[in-house]
Amino acid sequence: MKRSIVRTECAPLPLSPISQAVRAGQMIYTSGQLGRDPATGKLAGPTMREQARRALANLKAVVEAGGGSLRSIVKIEGLVTDLDMMGEFNEVFKEFFPVDPPARCCFEVRRLAAGALVEVSAVAVVEEPD
């Protein structure tokens, strides 16, 4: 099975020694994406909606760089610092996945890197083989 590192300037480059994603055969495994603007490296704004929209846009960019699309995503994992903000997160989530959304789990965590409110990662299956 071919393994390759996925990298794109359309999403923020990692601050840690990790890859944005790894493609292994037809699978894409992304690292967690925060709501950081790729141009500035700063959080997209102070609200859950702003950060979630940017985090999901970053996730989309990384999956696309690996040869997939939003429709390729089969599982998303979300980390939020306050489950009371899940309503706001879900509103933004529906913008990206209006029909037939992927499987998802979300966890509340004490804190995230850079003071972020949300982080998302995904597993995608690419239709075409390498």
N, C-alpha and C. Protein backbone atom coordinates (compact mmCIF):
# COMPACT_ATOMS: atom_id res chain seq x y z
N MET A 1 0.84 -1.18 0.00
CA MET A 1 0.00 0.00 0.00
C MET A 1 0.89 1.25 0.00
N LYS A 2 0.56 2.16 -0.86
CA LYS A 2 1.30 3.41 -0.95
C LYS A 2 0.86 4.36 0.17
N ARG A 3 1.84 4.99 0.80
CA ARG A 3 1.59 5.96 1.86
C ARG A 3 2.22 7.28 1.44
N SER A 4 1.44 8.37 1.54
CA SER A 4 2.00 9.68 1.18
C SER A 4 1.51 10.74 2.15
N ILE A 5 2.34 11.75 2.33
CA ILE A 5 2.01 12.87 3.21
C ILE A 5 1.23 13.90 2.41
N VAL A 6 0.16 14.39 3.01
CA VAL A 6 -0.68 15.41 2.38
C VAL A 6 -0.30 16.76 2.99
N ARG A 7 -0.09 17.73 2.10
CA ARG A 7 0.27 19.08 2.56
C ARG A 7 -0.36 20.10 1.63
N THR A 8 -0.94 21.14 2.21
CA THR A 8 -1.52 22.21 1.41
C THR A 8 -1.35 23.55 2.11
N GLU A 9 -1.13 24.57 1.33
CA GLU A 9 -1.04 25.94 1.86
C GLU A 9 -2.44 26.52 2.07
N CYS A 10 -3.48 25.81 1.63
CA CYS A 10 -4.87 26.28 1.76
C CYS A 10 -5.42 26.05 3.16
N ALA A 11 -4.64 25.40 4.01
CA ALA A 11 -4.97 25.21 5.42
C ALA A 11 -3.71 25.56 6.20
N PRO A 12 -3.87 25.98 7.45
CA PRO A 12 -2.69 26.35 8.23
C PRO A 12 -1.71 25.19 8.36
N LEU A 13 -0.45 25.49 8.23
CA LEU A 13 0.57 24.46 8.45
C LEU A 13 0.61 24.15 9.94
N PRO A 14 0.85 22.89 10.31
CA PRO A 14 0.85 22.51 11.72
C PRO A 14 1.91 23.25 12.53
N LEU A 15 1.57 23.52 13.78
CA LEU A 15 2.52 24.12 14.70
C LEU A 15 3.37 23.04 15.36
N SER A 16 2.88 21.80 15.34
CA SER A 16 3.56 20.65 15.94
C SER A 16 4.27 19.85 14.85
N PRO A 17 5.12 18.92 15.24
CA PRO A 17 5.80 18.08 14.25
C PRO A 17 4.88 16.96 13.76
N ILE A 18 3.82 17.34 13.02
CA ILE A 18 2.86 16.38 12.47
C ILE A 18 2.57 16.74 11.02
N SER A 19 1.91 15.83 10.32
CA SER A 19 1.47 16.09 8.95
C SER A 19 0.03 16.58 8.99
N GLN A 20 -0.36 17.37 7.99
CA GLN A 20 -1.76 17.79 7.91
C GLN A 20 -2.65 16.56 7.71
N ALA A 21 -2.17 15.61 6.93
CA ALA A 21 -2.88 14.35 6.72
C ALA A 21 -1.91 13.34 6.14
N VAL A 22 -2.32 12.08 6.21
CA VAL A 22 -1.59 11.00 5.58
C VAL A 22 -2.59 10.23 4.72
N ARG A 23 -2.20 9.99 3.48
CA ARG A 23 -3.02 9.16 2.61
C ARG A 23 -2.35 7.79 2.55
N ALA A 24 -3.13 6.76 2.85
CA ALA A 24 -2.66 5.38 2.79
C ALA A 24 -3.61 4.63 1.87
N GLY A 25 -3.15 4.35 0.66
CA GLY A 25 -4.03 3.74 -0.33
C GLY A 25 -5.19 4.66 -0.64
N GLN A 26 -6.40 4.18 -0.43
CA GLN A 26 -7.59 4.98 -0.70
C GLN A 26 -8.10 5.72 0.53
N MET A 27 -7.38 5.65 1.63
CA MET A 27 -7.79 6.29 2.88
C MET A 27 -7.00 7.57 3.12
N ILE A 28 -7.69 8.59 3.62
CA ILE A 28 -7.05 9.83 4.05
C ILE A 28 -7.35 10.01 5.53
N TYR A 29 -6.32 10.17 6.34
CA TYR A 29 -6.45 10.40 7.78
C TYR A 29 -5.92 11.79 8.07
N THR A 30 -6.78 12.70 8.50
CA THR A 30 -6.33 14.07 8.76
C THR A 30 -5.93 14.24 10.21
N SER A 31 -5.03 15.18 10.43
CA SER A 31 -4.76 15.65 11.79
C SER A 31 -5.86 16.62 12.16
N GLY A 32 -5.93 16.96 13.42
CA GLY A 32 -6.93 17.91 13.88
C GLY A 32 -6.73 19.28 13.26
N GLN A 33 -7.84 19.89 12.85
CA GLN A 33 -7.80 21.22 12.26
C GLN A 33 -8.50 22.19 13.20
N LEU A 34 -7.80 23.24 13.55
CA LEU A 34 -8.39 24.31 14.36
C LEU A 34 -8.99 25.34 13.42
N GLY A 35 -9.67 26.30 13.98
CA GLY A 35 -10.26 27.39 13.19
C GLY A 35 -9.27 28.50 12.93
N ARG A 36 -8.05 28.14 12.54
CA ARG A 36 -7.01 29.13 12.24
C ARG A 36 -7.07 29.52 10.77
N ASP A 37 -6.90 30.79 10.51
CA ASP A 37 -6.85 31.31 9.14
C ASP A 37 -5.49 30.93 8.55
N PRO A 38 -5.47 30.30 7.36
CA PRO A 38 -4.18 29.90 6.79
C PRO A 38 -3.28 31.09 6.43
N ALA A 39 -3.87 32.25 6.15
CA ALA A 39 -3.07 33.42 5.77
C ALA A 39 -2.38 34.06 6.97
N THR A 40 -3.06 34.08 8.11
CA THR A 40 -2.51 34.78 9.28
C THR A 40 -2.03 33.84 10.38
N GLY A 41 -2.56 32.61 10.39
CA GLY A 41 -2.24 31.68 11.47
C GLY A 41 -3.03 31.94 12.73
N LYS A 42 -3.86 32.97 12.71
CA LYS A 42 -4.65 33.32 13.89
C LYS A 42 -6.05 32.71 13.80
N LEU A 43 -6.68 32.57 14.98
CA LEU A 43 -8.04 32.05 15.00
C LEU A 43 -8.95 32.97 14.20
N ALA A 44 -9.93 32.39 13.53
CA ALA A 44 -10.83 33.13 12.64
C ALA A 44 -11.70 34.14 13.38
N GLY A 45 -11.85 33.98 14.66
CA GLY A 45 -12.66 34.90 15.46
C GLY A 45 -12.89 34.29 16.83
N PRO A 46 -13.58 35.03 17.69
CA PRO A 46 -13.77 34.55 19.06
C PRO A 46 -14.96 33.60 19.25
N THR A 47 -15.82 33.44 18.23
CA THR A 47 -17.04 32.65 18.43
C THR A 47 -16.90 31.23 17.89
N MET A 48 -17.74 30.35 18.41
CA MET A 48 -17.78 28.97 17.93
C MET A 48 -18.10 28.93 16.44
N ARG A 49 -19.06 29.73 16.00
CA ARG A 49 -19.44 29.72 14.58
C ARG A 49 -18.25 30.08 13.68
N GLU A 50 -17.54 31.14 14.02
CA GLU A 50 -16.40 31.57 13.20
C GLU A 50 -15.31 30.50 13.17
N GLN A 51 -14.99 29.98 14.34
CA GLN A 51 -13.92 28.98 14.42
C GLN A 51 -14.33 27.66 13.77
N ALA A 52 -15.58 27.24 13.97
CA ALA A 52 -16.05 25.99 13.38
C ALA A 52 -16.06 26.09 11.85
N ARG A 53 -16.52 27.22 11.33
CA ARG A 53 -16.56 27.41 9.87
C ARG A 53 -15.15 27.32 9.29
N ARG A 54 -14.20 27.97 9.95
CA ARG A 54 -12.82 27.94 9.45
C ARG A 54 -12.20 26.55 9.63
N ALA A 55 -12.46 25.90 10.76
CA ALA A 55 -11.91 24.56 10.99
C ALA A 55 -12.42 23.59 9.94
N LEU A 56 -13.71 23.66 9.62
CA LEU A 56 -14.27 22.76 8.60
C LEU A 56 -13.77 23.12 7.20
N ALA A 57 -13.55 24.40 6.94
CA ALA A 57 -12.97 24.81 5.65
C ALA A 57 -11.53 24.29 5.55
N ASN A 58 -10.78 24.34 6.65
CA ASN A 58 -9.42 23.80 6.66
C ASN A 58 -9.44 22.29 6.43
N LEU A 59 -10.37 21.61 7.08
CA LEU A 59 -10.51 20.17 6.91
C LEU A 59 -10.80 19.84 5.45
N LYS A 60 -11.71 20.58 4.85
CA LYS A 60 -12.07 20.40 3.43
C LYS A 60 -10.82 20.57 2.55
N ALA A 61 -10.03 21.61 2.81
CA ALA A 61 -8.83 21.87 2.01
C ALA A 61 -7.83 20.73 2.12
N VAL A 62 -7.66 20.20 3.31
CA VAL A 62 -6.70 19.11 3.51
C VAL A 62 -7.18 17.84 2.81
N VAL A 63 -8.45 17.52 2.96
CA VAL A 63 -8.99 16.32 2.30
C VAL A 63 -8.89 16.47 0.78
N GLU A 64 -9.20 17.65 0.27
CA GLU A 64 -9.09 17.88 -1.18
C GLU A 64 -7.64 17.75 -1.65
N ALA A 65 -6.70 18.22 -0.84
CA ALA A 65 -5.28 18.10 -1.20
C ALA A 65 -4.86 16.63 -1.27
N GLY A 66 -5.55 15.78 -0.52
CA GLY A 66 -5.26 14.35 -0.55
C GLY A 66 -5.99 13.61 -1.67
N GLY A 67 -6.79 14.35 -2.44
CA GLY A 67 -7.51 13.73 -3.55
C GLY A 67 -8.95 13.40 -3.25
N GLY A 68 -9.46 13.85 -2.11
CA GLY A 68 -10.84 13.58 -1.73
C GLY A 68 -11.72 14.80 -1.82
N SER A 69 -12.87 14.72 -1.19
CA SER A 69 -13.84 15.81 -1.14
C SER A 69 -14.64 15.66 0.15
N LEU A 70 -15.52 16.61 0.40
CA LEU A 70 -16.39 16.49 1.57
C LEU A 70 -17.20 15.19 1.51
N ARG A 71 -17.63 14.80 0.31
CA ARG A 71 -18.40 13.55 0.15
C ARG A 71 -17.55 12.31 0.44
N SER A 72 -16.23 12.45 0.40
CA SER A 72 -15.33 11.32 0.69
C SER A 72 -15.23 11.04 2.19
N ILE A 73 -15.59 12.03 3.00
CA ILE A 73 -15.42 11.90 4.45
C ILE A 73 -16.45 10.92 5.00
N VAL A 74 -15.96 9.91 5.71
CA VAL A 74 -16.86 8.92 6.30
C VAL A 74 -16.98 9.08 7.82
N LYS A 75 -16.02 9.75 8.43
CA LYS A 75 -16.04 9.91 9.90
C LYS A 75 -15.35 11.20 10.28
N ILE A 76 -15.99 11.94 11.16
CA ILE A 76 -15.41 13.16 11.71
C ILE A 76 -15.37 13.04 13.22
N GLU A 77 -14.29 13.50 13.79
CA GLU A 77 -14.18 13.59 15.24
C GLU A 77 -14.07 15.06 15.60
N GLY A 78 -14.89 15.49 16.53
CA GLY A 78 -14.86 16.89 16.96
C GLY A 78 -14.48 17.00 18.42
N LEU A 79 -13.70 17.99 18.72
CA LEU A 79 -13.35 18.33 20.10
C LEU A 79 -13.81 19.75 20.33
N VAL A 80 -14.57 19.97 21.39
CA VAL A 80 -15.05 21.31 21.73
C VAL A 80 -14.74 21.57 23.19
N THR A 81 -14.57 22.84 23.52
CA THR A 81 -14.26 23.18 24.90
C THR A 81 -15.52 23.38 25.75
N ASP A 82 -16.69 23.38 25.11
CA ASP A 82 -17.95 23.56 25.84
C ASP A 82 -19.09 22.91 25.06
N LEU A 83 -19.62 21.81 25.56
CA LEU A 83 -20.71 21.12 24.88
C LEU A 83 -21.96 21.99 24.75
N ASP A 84 -22.08 23.03 25.55
CA ASP A 84 -23.21 23.94 25.43
C ASP A 84 -23.17 24.71 24.11
N MET A 85 -22.03 24.70 23.42
CA MET A 85 -21.91 25.37 22.12
C MET A 85 -22.16 24.42 20.95
N MET A 86 -22.61 23.20 21.23
CA MET A 86 -22.83 22.22 20.16
C MET A 86 -23.91 22.67 19.17
N GLY A 87 -24.89 23.41 19.63
CA GLY A 87 -25.92 23.92 18.72
C GLY A 87 -25.31 24.80 17.64
N GLU A 88 -24.40 25.69 18.04
CA GLU A 88 -23.72 26.56 17.08
C GLU A 88 -22.85 25.73 16.15
N PHE A 89 -22.13 24.76 16.71
CA PHE A 89 -21.29 23.89 15.89
C PHE A 89 -22.15 23.14 14.87
N ASN A 90 -23.27 22.60 15.32
CA ASN A 90 -24.14 21.84 14.41
C ASN A 90 -24.70 22.70 13.28
N GLU A 91 -25.01 23.96 13.56
CA GLU A 91 -25.50 24.86 12.50
C GLU A 91 -24.46 25.01 11.40
N VAL A 92 -23.21 25.20 11.78
CA VAL A 92 -22.13 25.34 10.80
C VAL A 92 -21.87 24.00 10.11
N PHE A 93 -21.92 22.92 10.87
CA PHE A 93 -21.69 21.58 10.32
C PHE A 93 -22.66 21.31 9.17
N LYS A 94 -23.92 21.73 9.35
CA LYS A 94 -24.95 21.52 8.32
C LYS A 94 -24.66 22.32 7.05
N GLU A 95 -23.92 23.43 7.17
CA GLU A 95 -23.53 24.19 5.97
C GLU A 95 -22.59 23.36 5.09
N PHE A 96 -21.72 22.59 5.71
CA PHE A 96 -20.75 21.78 4.98
C PHE A 96 -21.32 20.42 4.57
N PHE A 97 -22.25 19.92 5.38
CA PHE A 97 -22.83 18.59 5.13
C PHE A 97 -24.36 18.69 5.20
N PRO A 98 -24.98 19.33 4.19
CA PRO A 98 -26.43 19.55 4.25
C PRO A 98 -27.27 18.28 4.10
N VAL A 99 -26.73 17.26 3.42
CA VAL A 99 -27.44 15.98 3.27
C VAL A 99 -26.45 14.84 3.46
N ASP A 100 -26.95 13.74 3.97
CA ASP A 100 -26.13 12.53 4.16
C ASP A 100 -24.78 12.83 4.82
N PRO A 101 -24.80 13.41 6.02
CA PRO A 101 -23.53 13.74 6.68
C PRO A 101 -22.76 12.49 7.08
N PRO A 102 -21.46 12.65 7.30
CA PRO A 102 -20.65 11.51 7.74
C PRO A 102 -20.98 11.15 9.19
N ALA A 103 -20.51 9.99 9.61
CA ALA A 103 -20.58 9.63 11.02
C ALA A 103 -19.73 10.63 11.80
N ARG A 104 -20.10 10.86 13.05
CA ARG A 104 -19.37 11.86 13.83
C ARG A 104 -19.47 11.55 15.31
N CYS A 105 -18.42 11.87 16.02
CA CYS A 105 -18.48 11.88 17.48
C CYS A 105 -17.87 13.19 17.94
N CYS A 106 -18.32 13.68 19.06
CA CYS A 106 -17.78 14.93 19.62
C CYS A 106 -17.50 14.72 21.10
N PHE A 107 -16.44 15.34 21.55
CA PHE A 107 -16.05 15.26 22.94
C PHE A 107 -15.79 16.65 23.48
N GLU A 108 -16.13 16.87 24.72
CA GLU A 108 -15.75 18.11 25.39
C GLU A 108 -14.39 17.88 26.02
N VAL A 109 -13.51 18.84 25.81
CA VAL A 109 -12.17 18.79 26.38
C VAL A 109 -11.93 20.06 27.19
N ARG A 110 -10.98 20.00 28.08
CA ARG A 110 -10.71 21.15 28.94
C ARG A 110 -10.17 22.33 28.16
N ARG A 111 -9.23 22.05 27.24
CA ARG A 111 -8.70 23.14 26.40
C ARG A 111 -8.07 22.56 25.15
N LEU A 112 -7.93 23.46 24.17
CA LEU A 112 -7.32 23.10 22.88
C LEU A 112 -6.16 24.04 22.60
N ALA A 113 -5.30 23.66 21.69
CA ALA A 113 -4.16 24.49 21.31
C ALA A 113 -4.61 25.87 20.85
N ALA A 114 -3.80 26.85 21.08
CA ALA A 114 -4.01 28.23 20.64
C ALA A 114 -5.27 28.87 21.23
N GLY A 115 -5.84 28.28 22.28
CA GLY A 115 -7.06 28.83 22.87
C GLY A 115 -8.29 28.59 22.01
N ALA A 116 -8.22 27.64 21.08
CA ALA A 116 -9.34 27.36 20.17
C ALA A 116 -10.53 26.78 20.93
N LEU A 117 -11.71 26.96 20.35
CA LEU A 117 -12.95 26.42 20.91
C LEU A 117 -13.31 25.08 20.29
N VAL A 118 -12.76 24.78 19.09
CA VAL A 118 -13.13 23.56 18.37
C VAL A 118 -11.96 23.06 17.54
N GLU A 119 -11.90 21.75 17.40
CA GLU A 119 -10.92 21.09 16.54
C GLU A 119 -11.63 19.91 15.87
N VAL A 120 -11.37 19.70 14.60
CA VAL A 120 -12.00 18.59 13.87
C VAL A 120 -10.95 17.80 13.10
N SER A 121 -11.17 16.50 13.03
CA SER A 121 -10.34 15.64 12.20
C SER A 121 -11.27 14.68 11.47
N ALA A 122 -10.74 14.03 10.44
CA ALA A 122 -11.61 13.17 9.62
C ALA A 122 -10.85 11.99 9.06
N VAL A 123 -11.66 11.01 8.65
CA VAL A 123 -11.19 9.89 7.86
C VAL A 123 -12.02 9.93 6.57
N ALA A 124 -11.33 9.87 5.43
CA ALA A 124 -12.02 9.90 4.14
C ALA A 124 -11.59 8.70 3.31
N VAL A 125 -12.49 8.27 2.46
CA VAL A 125 -12.20 7.19 1.52
C VAL A 125 -12.27 7.76 0.12
N VAL A 126 -11.18 7.65 -0.61
CA VAL A 126 -11.10 8.18 -1.97
C VAL A 126 -11.50 7.07 -2.93
N GLU A 127 -12.39 7.38 -3.84
CA GLU A 127 -12.92 6.39 -4.78
C GLU A 127 -11.86 5.80 -5.69
N GLU A 128 -11.04 6.67 -6.27
CA GLU A 128 -10.05 6.22 -7.24
C GLU A 128 -8.79 5.75 -6.54
N PRO A 129 -8.25 4.60 -6.92
CA PRO A 129 -6.97 4.16 -6.33
C PRO A 129 -5.83 5.06 -6.80
N ASP A 130 -4.74 5.02 -6.04
CA ASP A 130 -3.55 5.81 -6.38
C ASP A 130 -3.08 5.53 -7.78
